[in-house]
Amino acid sequence: HAETWVAEMEGQVVGFIALIPTEDVWEVGGLFLDPAFHGQGIGKALMDKAVAKKGPLMVEVFQRNSIGRRFYAAYGFVESGEYFHEASGQMTLQLSYSPS
């Protein structure tokens, strides 16, 4: 079953991460933060918890999503593939992360 965890600050939900089990690893189905809270370590904290609880992860991100790509690269995700997402008309990157 999928799992979704939220991040709260002073009782306000400011972000969440959704994780989906796949055959081999958990997939980050979504990681979203209120833009007002970017750069405060909240996304990293959500990802740290996901890695601690689930181990290796994968995520798919649109190539034009520069904010997401920068975040995942800084966290240590590496590109493992790409494909054309027909429904959106966008190139999609497949990224993988394995804790060391």
PDB file of N, CA and C in Angstrom:
ATOM      1  N   HIS A   1       0.832  -1.191   0.000  1.00  0.00           N
ATOM      2  CA  HIS A   1       0.000   0.000   0.000  1.00  0.00           C
ATOM      3  C   HIS A   1       0.871   1.248   0.000  1.00  0.00           C
ATOM      4  N   ALA A   2       0.399   2.269  -0.656  1.00  0.00           N
ATOM      5  CA  ALA A   2       1.114   3.542  -0.683  1.00  0.00           C
ATOM      6  C   ALA A   2       1.085   4.178   0.709  1.00  0.00           C
ATOM      7  N   GLU A   3       2.073   4.998   0.961  1.00  0.00           N
ATOM      8  CA  GLU A   3       2.145   5.730   2.227  1.00  0.00           C
ATOM      9  C   GLU A   3       2.368   7.198   1.915  1.00  0.00           C
ATOM     10  N   THR A   4       1.720   8.065   2.679  1.00  0.00           N
ATOM     11  CA  THR A   4       1.912   9.505   2.536  1.00  0.00           C
ATOM     12  C   THR A   4       2.201  10.080   3.909  1.00  0.00           C
ATOM     13  N   TRP A   5       3.259  10.864   3.979  1.00  0.00           N
ATOM     14  CA  TRP A   5       3.638  11.515   5.229  1.00  0.00           C
ATOM     15  C   TRP A   5       3.619  13.018   5.004  1.00  0.00           C
ATOM     16  N   VAL A   6       3.186  13.764   6.000  1.00  0.00           N
ATOM     17  CA  VAL A   6       3.137  15.217   5.876  1.00  0.00           C
ATOM     18  C   VAL A   6       4.166  15.865   6.793  1.00  0.00           C
ATOM     19  N   ALA A   7       4.574  17.065   6.413  1.00  0.00           N
ATOM     20  CA  ALA A   7       5.437  17.900   7.248  1.00  0.00           C
ATOM     21  C   ALA A   7       4.585  19.068   7.733  1.00  0.00           C
ATOM     22  N   GLU A   8       4.651  19.322   9.026  1.00  0.00           N
ATOM     23  CA  GLU A   8       3.883  20.419   9.614  1.00  0.00           C
ATOM     24  C   GLU A   8       4.817  21.398  10.297  1.00  0.00           C
ATOM     25  N   MET A   9       4.448  22.662  10.239  1.00  0.00           N
ATOM     26  CA  MET A   9       5.133  23.704  10.994  1.00  0.00           C
ATOM     27  C   MET A   9       4.055  24.520  11.679  1.00  0.00           C
ATOM     28  N   GLU A  10       4.122  24.584  12.989  1.00  0.00           N
ATOM     29  CA  GLU A  10       3.156  25.329  13.794  1.00  0.00           C
ATOM     30  C   GLU A  10       1.722  24.939  13.443  1.00  0.00           C
ATOM     31  N   GLY A  11       1.489  23.626  13.291  1.00  0.00           N
ATOM     32  CA  GLY A  11       0.152  23.118  13.028  1.00  0.00           C
ATOM     33  C   GLY A  11      -0.329  23.251  11.596  1.00  0.00           C
ATOM     34  N   GLN A  12       0.516  23.771  10.713  1.00  0.00           N
ATOM     35  CA  GLN A  12       0.143  23.957   9.309  1.00  0.00           C
ATOM     36  C   GLN A  12       0.892  22.939   8.450  1.00  0.00           C
ATOM     37  N   VAL A  13       0.172  22.222   7.583  1.00  0.00           N
ATOM     38  CA  VAL A  13       0.826  21.303   6.649  1.00  0.00           C
ATOM     39  C   VAL A  13       1.563  22.139   5.609  1.00  0.00           C
ATOM     40  N   VAL A  14       2.876  21.899   5.489  1.00  0.00           N
ATOM     41  CA  VAL A  14       3.689  22.671   4.546  1.00  0.00           C
ATOM     42  C   VAL A  14       4.253  21.802   3.429  1.00  0.00           C
ATOM     43  N   GLY A  15       4.059  20.492   3.535  1.00  0.00           N
ATOM     44  CA  GLY A  15       4.549  19.612   2.484  1.00  0.00           C
ATOM     45  C   GLY A  15       4.205  18.172   2.771  1.00  0.00           C
ATOM     46  N   PHE A  16       4.477  17.327   1.760  1.00  0.00           N
ATOM     47  CA  PHE A  16       4.251  15.899   1.944  1.00  0.00           C
ATOM     48  C   PHE A  16       5.103  15.098   0.978  1.00  0.00           C
ATOM     49  N   ILE A  17       5.290  13.837   1.333  1.00  0.00           N
ATOM     50  CA  ILE A  17       5.932  12.872   0.452  1.00  0.00           C
ATOM     51  C   ILE A  17       4.999  11.664   0.363  1.00  0.00           C
ATOM     52  N   ALA A  18       4.827  11.167  -0.854  1.00  0.00           N
ATOM     53  CA  ALA A  18       4.019   9.966  -1.088  1.00  0.00           C
ATOM     54  C   ALA A  18       4.940   8.879  -1.613  1.00  0.00           C
ATOM     55  N   LEU A  19       4.854   7.696  -1.031  1.00  0.00           N
ATOM     56  CA  LEU A  19       5.707   6.570  -1.408  1.00  0.00           C
ATOM     57  C   LEU A  19       4.845   5.416  -1.895  1.00  0.00           C
ATOM     58  N   ILE A  20       5.277   4.807  -2.987  1.00  0.00           N
ATOM     59  CA  ILE A  20       4.529   3.720  -3.613  1.00  0.00           C
ATOM     60  C   ILE A  20       5.432   2.490  -3.685  1.00  0.00           C
ATOM     61  N   PRO A  21       4.987   1.350  -3.153  1.00  0.00           N
ATOM     62  CA  PRO A  21       5.826   0.152  -3.257  1.00  0.00           C
ATOM     63  C   PRO A  21       5.830  -0.369  -4.695  1.00  0.00           C
ATOM     64  N   THR A  22       7.014  -0.745  -5.167  1.00  0.00           N
ATOM     65  CA  THR A  22       7.139  -1.413  -6.463  1.00  0.00           C
ATOM     66  C   THR A  22       7.769  -2.773  -6.196  1.00  0.00           C
ATOM     67  N   GLU A  23       8.029  -3.503  -7.238  1.00  0.00           N
ATOM     68  CA  GLU A  23       8.582  -4.848  -7.075  1.00  0.00           C
ATOM     69  C   GLU A  23       9.925  -4.838  -6.347  1.00  0.00           C
ATOM     70  N   ASP A  24      10.778  -3.856  -6.671  1.00  0.00           N
ATOM     71  CA  ASP A  24      12.146  -3.849  -6.135  1.00  0.00           C
ATOM     72  C   ASP A  24      12.402  -2.798  -5.065  1.00  0.00           C
ATOM     73  N   VAL A  25      11.882  -1.594  -5.267  1.00  0.00           N
ATOM     74  CA  VAL A  25      12.163  -0.478  -4.360  1.00  0.00           C
ATOM     75  C   VAL A  25      10.895   0.339  -4.180  1.00  0.00           C
ATOM     76  N   TRP A  26      10.946   1.278  -3.260  1.00  0.00           N
ATOM     77  CA  TRP A  26       9.834   2.211  -3.094  1.00  0.00           C
ATOM     78  C   TRP A  26      10.034   3.370  -4.061  1.00  0.00           C
ATOM     79  N   GLU A  27       8.945   3.810  -4.652  1.00  0.00           N
ATOM     80  CA  GLU A  27       8.978   4.946  -5.577  1.00  0.00           C
ATOM     81  C   GLU A  27       8.433   6.185  -4.875  1.00  0.00           C
ATOM     82  N   VAL A  28       9.138   7.298  -5.047  1.00  0.00           N
ATOM     83  CA  VAL A  28       8.624   8.575  -4.570  1.00  0.00           C
ATOM     84  C   VAL A  28       7.568   9.002  -5.589  1.00  0.00           C
ATOM     85  N   GLY A  29       6.307   8.856  -5.214  1.00  0.00           N
ATOM     86  CA  GLY A  29       5.218   9.207  -6.115  1.00  0.00           C
ATOM     87  C   GLY A  29       4.963  10.701  -6.153  1.00  0.00           C
ATOM     88  N   GLY A  30       5.433  11.391  -5.138  1.00  0.00           N
ATOM     89  CA  GLY A  30       5.297  12.839  -5.084  1.00  0.00           C
ATOM     90  C   GLY A  30       6.006  13.398  -3.873  1.00  0.00           C
ATOM     91  N   LEU A  31       6.650  14.528  -4.057  1.00  0.00           N
ATOM     92  CA  LEU A  31       7.277  15.276  -2.966  1.00  0.00           C
ATOM     93  C   LEU A  31       6.965  16.734  -3.249  1.00  0.00           C
ATOM     94  N   PHE A  32       6.141  17.315  -2.417  1.00  0.00           N
ATOM     95  CA  PHE A  32       5.705  18.681  -2.659  1.00  0.00           C
ATOM     96  C   PHE A  32       5.833  19.505  -1.391  1.00  0.00           C
ATOM     97  N   LEU A  33       6.308  20.745  -1.556  1.00  0.00           N
ATOM     98  CA  LEU A  33       6.412  21.690  -0.452  1.00  0.00           C
ATOM     99  C   LEU A  33       5.787  23.007  -0.870  1.00  0.00           C
ATOM    100  N   ASP A  34       5.168  23.675   0.077  1.00  0.00           N
ATOM    101  CA  ASP A  34       4.725  25.043  -0.152  1.00  0.00           C
ATOM    102  C   ASP A  34       5.976  25.843  -0.523  1.00  0.00           C
ATOM    103  N   PRO A  35       5.967  26.562  -1.646  1.00  0.00           N
ATOM    104  CA  PRO A  35       7.166  27.310  -2.058  1.00  0.00           C
ATOM    105  C   PRO A  35       7.700  28.258  -0.988  1.00  0.00           C
ATOM    106  N   ALA A  36       6.847  28.738  -0.103  1.00  0.00           N
ATOM    107  CA  ALA A  36       7.302  29.628   0.965  1.00  0.00           C
ATOM    108  C   ALA A  36       8.245  28.917   1.932  1.00  0.00           C
ATOM    109  N   PHE A  37       8.273  27.579   1.884  1.00  0.00           N
ATOM    110  CA  PHE A  37       9.095  26.805   2.808  1.00  0.00           C
ATOM    111  C   PHE A  37      10.259  26.104   2.113  1.00  0.00           C
ATOM    112  N   HIS A  38      10.486  26.419   0.840  1.00  0.00           N
ATOM    113  CA  HIS A  38      11.651  25.849   0.142  1.00  0.00           C
ATOM    114  C   HIS A  38      12.936  26.331   0.817  1.00  0.00           C
ATOM    115  N   GLY A  39      13.963  25.491   0.774  1.00  0.00           N
ATOM    116  CA  GLY A  39      15.274  25.876   1.286  1.00  0.00           C
ATOM    117  C   GLY A  39      15.413  25.817   2.793  1.00  0.00           C
ATOM    118  N   GLN A  40      14.456  25.219   3.483  1.00  0.00           N
ATOM    119  CA  GLN A  40      14.517  25.146   4.943  1.00  0.00           C
ATOM    120  C   GLN A  40      14.816  23.740   5.456  1.00  0.00           C
ATOM    121  N   GLY A  41      15.130  22.812   4.541  1.00  0.00           N
ATOM    122  CA  GLY A  41      15.482  21.455   4.949  1.00  0.00           C
ATOM    123  C   GLY A  41      14.298  20.521   5.129  1.00  0.00           C
ATOM    124  N   ILE A  42      13.099  20.982   4.811  1.00  0.00           N
ATOM    125  CA  ILE A  42      11.907  20.156   5.017  1.00  0.00           C
ATOM    126  C   ILE A  42      11.863  19.006   4.018  1.00  0.00           C
ATOM    127  N   GLY A  43      12.136  19.294   2.754  1.00  0.00           N
ATOM    128  CA  GLY A  43      12.170  18.236   1.742  1.00  0.00           C
ATOM    129  C   GLY A  43      13.220  17.193   2.069  1.00  0.00           C
ATOM    130  N   LYS A  44      14.391  17.654   2.515  1.00  0.00           N
ATOM    131  CA  LYS A  44      15.466  16.733   2.891  1.00  0.00           C
ATOM    132  C   LYS A  44      15.039  15.881   4.082  1.00  0.00           C
ATOM    133  N   ALA A  45      14.367  16.483   5.048  1.00  0.00           N
ATOM    134  CA  ALA A  45      13.908  15.725   6.222  1.00  0.00           C
ATOM    135  C   ALA A  45      12.900  14.646   5.818  1.00  0.00           C
ATOM    136  N   LEU A  46      11.982  14.978   4.913  1.00  0.00           N
ATOM    137  CA  LEU A  46      11.029  13.978   4.432  1.00  0.00           C
ATOM    138  C   LEU A  46      11.756  12.855   3.699  1.00  0.00           C
ATOM    139  N   MET A  47      12.730  13.218   2.875  1.00  0.00           N
ATOM    140  CA  MET A  47      13.487  12.211   2.130  1.00  0.00           C
ATOM    141  C   MET A  47      14.337  11.369   3.083  1.00  0.00           C
ATOM    142  N   ASP A  48      14.953  12.001   4.081  1.00  0.00           N
ATOM    143  CA  ASP A  48      15.744  11.253   5.071  1.00  0.00           C
ATOM    144  C   ASP A  48      14.881  10.193   5.757  1.00  0.00           C
ATOM    145  N   LYS A  49      13.658  10.565   6.126  1.00  0.00           N
ATOM    146  CA  LYS A  49      12.758   9.611   6.780  1.00  0.00           C
ATOM    147  C   LYS A  49      12.411   8.474   5.826  1.00  0.00           C
ATOM    148  N   ALA A  50      12.147   8.808   4.566  1.00  0.00           N
ATOM    149  CA  ALA A  50      11.806   7.782   3.578  1.00  0.00           C
ATOM    150  C   ALA A  50      12.952   6.794   3.405  1.00  0.00           C
ATOM    151  N   VAL A  51      14.168   7.299   3.297  1.00  0.00           N
ATOM    152  CA  VAL A  51      15.340   6.430   3.133  1.00  0.00           C
ATOM    153  C   VAL A  51      15.541   5.577   4.384  1.00  0.00           C
ATOM    154  N   ALA A  52      15.396   6.183   5.565  1.00  0.00           N
ATOM    155  CA  ALA A  52      15.583   5.440   6.813  1.00  0.00           C
ATOM    156  C   ALA A  52      14.559   4.314   6.951  1.00  0.00           C
ATOM    157  N   LYS A  53      13.334   4.555   6.533  1.00  0.00           N
ATOM    158  CA  LYS A  53      12.269   3.556   6.685  1.00  0.00           C
ATOM    159  C   LYS A  53      12.191   2.568   5.526  1.00  0.00           C
ATOM    160  N   LYS A  54      12.554   3.019   4.306  1.00  0.00           N
ATOM    161  CA  LYS A  54      12.313   2.197   3.114  1.00  0.00           C
ATOM    162  C   LYS A  54      13.566   1.792   2.351  1.00  0.00           C
ATOM    163  N   GLY A  55      14.711   2.405   2.633  1.00  0.00           N
ATOM    164  CA  GLY A  55      15.940   2.041   1.917  1.00  0.00           C
ATOM    165  C   GLY A  55      16.013   2.680   0.542  1.00  0.00           C
ATOM    166  N   PRO A  56      16.550   1.950  -0.443  1.00  0.00           N
ATOM    167  CA  PRO A  56      16.708   2.512  -1.790  1.00  0.00           C
ATOM    168  C   PRO A  56      15.373   3.020  -2.350  1.00  0.00           C
ATOM    169  N   LEU A  57      15.457   4.125  -3.094  1.00  0.00           N
ATOM    170  CA  LEU A  57      14.264   4.755  -3.656  1.00  0.00           C
ATOM    171  C   LEU A  57      14.458   5.030  -5.137  1.00  0.00           C
ATOM    172  N   MET A  58      13.339   5.232  -5.832  1.00  0.00           N
ATOM    173  CA  MET A  58      13.392   5.724  -7.207  1.00  0.00           C
ATOM    174  C   MET A  58      12.321   6.790  -7.351  1.00  0.00           C
ATOM    175  N   VAL A  59      12.525   7.640  -8.355  1.00  0.00           N
ATOM    176  CA  VAL A  59      11.566   8.707  -8.624  1.00  0.00           C
ATOM    177  C   VAL A  59      11.595   9.011 -10.115  1.00  0.00           C
ATOM    178  N   GLU A  60      10.478   9.454 -10.636  1.00  0.00           N
ATOM    179  CA  GLU A  60      10.413   9.940 -12.009  1.00  0.00           C
ATOM    180  C   GLU A  60      10.098  11.422 -11.943  1.00  0.00           C
ATOM    181  N   VAL A  61      10.838  12.220 -12.716  1.00  0.00           N
ATOM    182  CA  VAL A  61      10.671  13.671 -12.690  1.00  0.00           C
ATOM    183  C   VAL A  61      10.726  14.191 -14.123  1.00  0.00           C
ATOM    184  N   PHE A  62       9.838  15.139 -14.433  1.00  0.00           N
ATOM    185  CA  PHE A  62       9.873  15.721 -15.765  1.00  0.00           C
ATOM    186  C   PHE A  62      11.205  16.427 -15.980  1.00  0.00           C
ATOM    187  N   GLN A  63      11.757  16.282 -17.168  1.00  0.00           N
ATOM    188  CA  GLN A  63      13.051  16.885 -17.483  1.00  0.00           C
ATOM    189  C   GLN A  63      13.024  18.394 -17.267  1.00  0.00           C
ATOM    190  N   ARG A  64      11.899  19.028 -17.542  1.00  0.00           N
ATOM    191  CA  ARG A  64      11.834  20.489 -17.404  1.00  0.00           C
ATOM    192  C   ARG A  64      11.605  20.950 -15.961  1.00  0.00           C
ATOM    193  N   ASN A  65      11.455  20.021 -15.024  1.00  0.00           N
ATOM    194  CA  ASN A  65      11.259  20.365 -13.615  1.00  0.00           C
ATOM    195  C   ASN A  65      12.623  20.627 -12.978  1.00  0.00           C
ATOM    196  N   SER A  66      13.147  21.823 -13.201  1.00  0.00           N
ATOM    197  CA  SER A  66      14.505  22.130 -12.738  1.00  0.00           C
ATOM    198  C   SER A  66      14.606  22.129 -11.213  1.00  0.00           C
ATOM    199  N   ILE A  67      13.572  22.559 -10.518  1.00  0.00           N
ATOM    200  CA  ILE A  67      13.614  22.566  -9.049  1.00  0.00           C
ATOM    201  C   ILE A  67      13.709  21.139  -8.527  1.00  0.00           C
ATOM    202  N   GLY A  68      12.863  20.255  -9.031  1.00  0.00           N
ATOM    203  CA  GLY A  68      12.895  18.858  -8.604  1.00  0.00           C
ATOM    204  C   GLY A  68      14.201  18.178  -8.963  1.00  0.00           C
ATOM    205  N   ARG A  69      14.670  18.388 -10.190  1.00  0.00           N
ATOM    206  CA  ARG A  69      15.924  17.758 -10.617  1.00  0.00           C
ATOM    207  C   ARG A  69      17.088  18.218  -9.753  1.00  0.00           C
ATOM    208  N   ARG A  70      17.131  19.514  -9.440  1.00  0.00           N
ATOM    209  CA  ARG A  70      18.213  20.046  -8.600  1.00  0.00           C
ATOM    210  C   ARG A  70      18.157  19.424  -7.204  1.00  0.00           C
ATOM    211  N   PHE A  71      16.944  19.324  -6.635  1.00  0.00           N
ATOM    212  CA  PHE A  71      16.790  18.732  -5.302  1.00  0.00           C
ATOM    213  C   PHE A  71      17.272  17.287  -5.293  1.00  0.00           C
ATOM    214  N   TYR A  72      16.786  16.480  -6.237  1.00  0.00           N
ATOM    215  CA  TYR A  72      17.143  15.060  -6.254  1.00  0.00           C
ATOM    216  C   TYR A  72      18.634  14.861  -6.510  1.00  0.00           C
ATOM    217  N   ALA A  73      19.225  15.665  -7.381  1.00  0.00           N
ATOM    218  CA  ALA A  73      20.670  15.558  -7.638  1.00  0.00           C
ATOM    219  C   ALA A  73      21.459  15.900  -6.377  1.00  0.00           C
ATOM    220  N   ALA A  74      21.066  16.958  -5.687  1.00  0.00           N
ATOM    221  CA  ALA A  74      21.763  17.352  -4.456  1.00  0.00           C
ATOM    222  C   ALA A  74      21.632  16.271  -3.390  1.00  0.00           C
ATOM    223  N   TYR A  75      20.510  15.562  -3.386  1.00  0.00           N
ATOM    224  CA  TYR A  75      20.308  14.502  -2.396  1.00  0.00           C
ATOM    225  C   TYR A  75      21.149  13.270  -2.714  1.00  0.00           C
ATOM    226  N   GLY A  76      21.511  13.096  -3.983  1.00  0.00           N
ATOM    227  CA  GLY A  76      22.330  11.945  -4.365  1.00  0.00           C
ATOM    228  C   GLY A  76      21.671  10.986  -5.337  1.00  0.00           C
ATOM    229  N   PHE A  77      20.492  11.335  -5.842  1.00  0.00           N
ATOM    230  CA  PHE A  77      19.854  10.503  -6.864  1.00  0.00           C
ATOM    231  C   PHE A  77      20.669  10.580  -8.149  1.00  0.00           C
ATOM    232  N   VAL A  78      20.718   9.481  -8.882  1.00  0.00           N
ATOM    233  CA  VAL A  78      21.413   9.445 -10.173  1.00  0.00           C
ATOM    234  C   VAL A  78      20.429   8.988 -11.247  1.00  0.00           C
ATOM    235  N   GLU A  79      20.652   9.480 -12.457  1.00  0.00           N
ATOM    236  CA  GLU A  79      19.764   9.127 -13.561  1.00  0.00           C
ATOM    237  C   GLU A  79      19.943   7.665 -13.930  1.00  0.00           C
ATOM    238  N   SER A  80      18.820   6.949 -14.035  1.00  0.00           N
ATOM    239  CA  SER A  80      18.875   5.530 -14.388  1.00  0.00           C
ATOM    240  C   SER A  80      18.101   5.233 -15.668  1.00  0.00           C
ATOM    241  N   GLY A  81      17.472   6.241 -16.246  1.00  0.00           N
ATOM    242  CA  GLY A  81      16.744   6.057 -17.494  1.00  0.00           C
ATOM    243  C   GLY A  81      15.931   7.287 -17.826  1.00  0.00           C
ATOM    244  N   GLU A  82      15.299   7.259 -18.996  1.00  0.00           N
ATOM    245  CA  GLU A  82      14.414   8.335 -19.398  1.00  0.00           C
ATOM    246  C   GLU A  82      13.428   7.800 -20.426  1.00  0.00           C
ATOM    247  N   TYR A  83      12.294   8.468 -20.539  1.00  0.00           N
ATOM    248  CA  TYR A  83      11.299   8.085 -21.539  1.00  0.00           C
ATOM    249  C   TYR A  83      10.399   9.275 -21.823  1.00  0.00           C
ATOM    250  N   PHE A  84       9.677   9.194 -22.921  1.00  0.00           N
ATOM    251  CA  PHE A  84       8.733  10.238 -23.298  1.00  0.00           C
ATOM    252  C   PHE A  84       7.381   9.913 -22.679  1.00  0.00           C
ATOM    253  N   HIS A  85       6.880  10.805 -21.833  1.00  0.00           N
ATOM    254  CA  HIS A  85       5.584  10.641 -21.164  1.00  0.00           C
ATOM    255  C   HIS A  85       4.513  11.189 -22.104  1.00  0.00           C
ATOM    256  N   GLU A  86       3.826  10.276 -22.782  1.00  0.00           N
ATOM    257  CA  GLU A  86       2.896  10.675 -23.844  1.00  0.00           C
ATOM    258  C   GLU A  86       1.755  11.555 -23.348  1.00  0.00           C
ATOM    259  N   ALA A  87       1.188  11.243 -22.193  1.00  0.00           N
ATOM    260  CA  ALA A  87       0.033  11.999 -21.698  1.00  0.00           C
ATOM    261  C   ALA A  87       0.357  13.475 -21.485  1.00  0.00           C
ATOM    262  N   SER A  88       1.590  13.769 -21.066  1.00  0.00           N
ATOM    263  CA  SER A  88       1.979  15.156 -20.803  1.00  0.00           C
ATOM    264  C   SER A  88       2.785  15.759 -21.946  1.00  0.00           C
ATOM    265  N   GLY A  89       3.293  14.912 -22.831  1.00  0.00           N
ATOM    266  CA  GLY A  89       4.144  15.399 -23.914  1.00  0.00           C
ATOM    267  C   GLY A  89       5.523  15.820 -23.438  1.00  0.00           C
ATOM    268  N   GLN A  90       5.989  15.244 -22.317  1.00  0.00           N
ATOM    269  CA  GLN A  90       7.270  15.657 -21.741  1.00  0.00           C
ATOM    270  C   GLN A  90       8.233  14.482 -21.588  1.00  0.00           C
ATOM    271  N   MET A  91       9.514  14.802 -21.705  1.00  0.00           N
ATOM    272  CA  MET A  91      10.545  13.819 -21.378  1.00  0.00           C
ATOM    273  C   MET A  91      10.558  13.658 -19.863  1.00  0.00           C
ATOM    274  N   THR A  92      10.709  12.422 -19.426  1.00  0.00           N
ATOM    275  CA  THR A  92      10.694  12.092 -18.006  1.00  0.00           C
ATOM    276  C   THR A  92      11.976  11.357 -17.659  1.00  0.00           C
ATOM    277  N   LEU A  93      12.633  11.793 -16.599  1.00  0.00           N
ATOM    278  CA  LEU A  93      13.858  11.149 -16.136  1.00  0.00           C
ATOM    279  C   LEU A  93      13.524  10.182 -15.010  1.00  0.00           C
ATOM    280  N   GLN A  94      14.154   9.029 -15.040  1.00  0.00           N
ATOM    281  CA  GLN A  94      14.038   8.053 -13.961  1.00  0.00           C
ATOM    282  C   GLN A  94      15.316   8.169 -13.135  1.00  0.00           C
ATOM    283  N   LEU A  95      15.162   8.403 -11.848  1.00  0.00           N
ATOM    284  CA  LEU A  95      16.292   8.602 -10.945  1.00  0.00           C
ATOM    285  C   LEU A  95      16.258   7.550  -9.846  1.00  0.00           C
ATOM    286  N   SER A  96      17.443   7.136  -9.402  1.00  0.00           N
ATOM    287  CA  SER A  96      17.559   6.118  -8.353  1.00  0.00           C
ATOM    288  C   SER A  96      18.454   6.622  -7.233  1.00  0.00           C
ATOM    289  N   TYR A  97      18.169   6.157  -6.022  1.00  0.00           N
ATOM    290  CA  TYR A  97      18.993   6.493  -4.859  1.00  0.00           C
ATOM    291  C   TYR A  97      19.194   5.246  -4.016  1.00  0.00           C
ATOM    292  N   SER A  98      20.435   4.991  -3.665  1.00  0.00           N
ATOM    293  CA  SER A  98      20.760   3.899  -2.741  1.00  0.00           C
ATOM    294  C   SER A  98      21.593   4.473  -1.613  1.00  0.00           C
ATOM    295  N   PRO A  99      21.149   4.303  -0.362  1.00  0.00           N
ATOM    296  CA  PRO A  99      21.947   4.807   0.759  1.00  0.00           C
ATOM    297  C   PRO A  99      23.282   4.082   0.824  1.00  0.00           C
ATOM    298  N   SER A 100      24.323   4.814   1.220  1.00  0.00           N
ATOM    299  CA  SER A 100      25.645   4.169   1.291  1.00  0.00           C
ATOM    300  C   SER A 100      25.893   3.553   2.633  1.00  0.00           C
TER     301      SER A 100
END
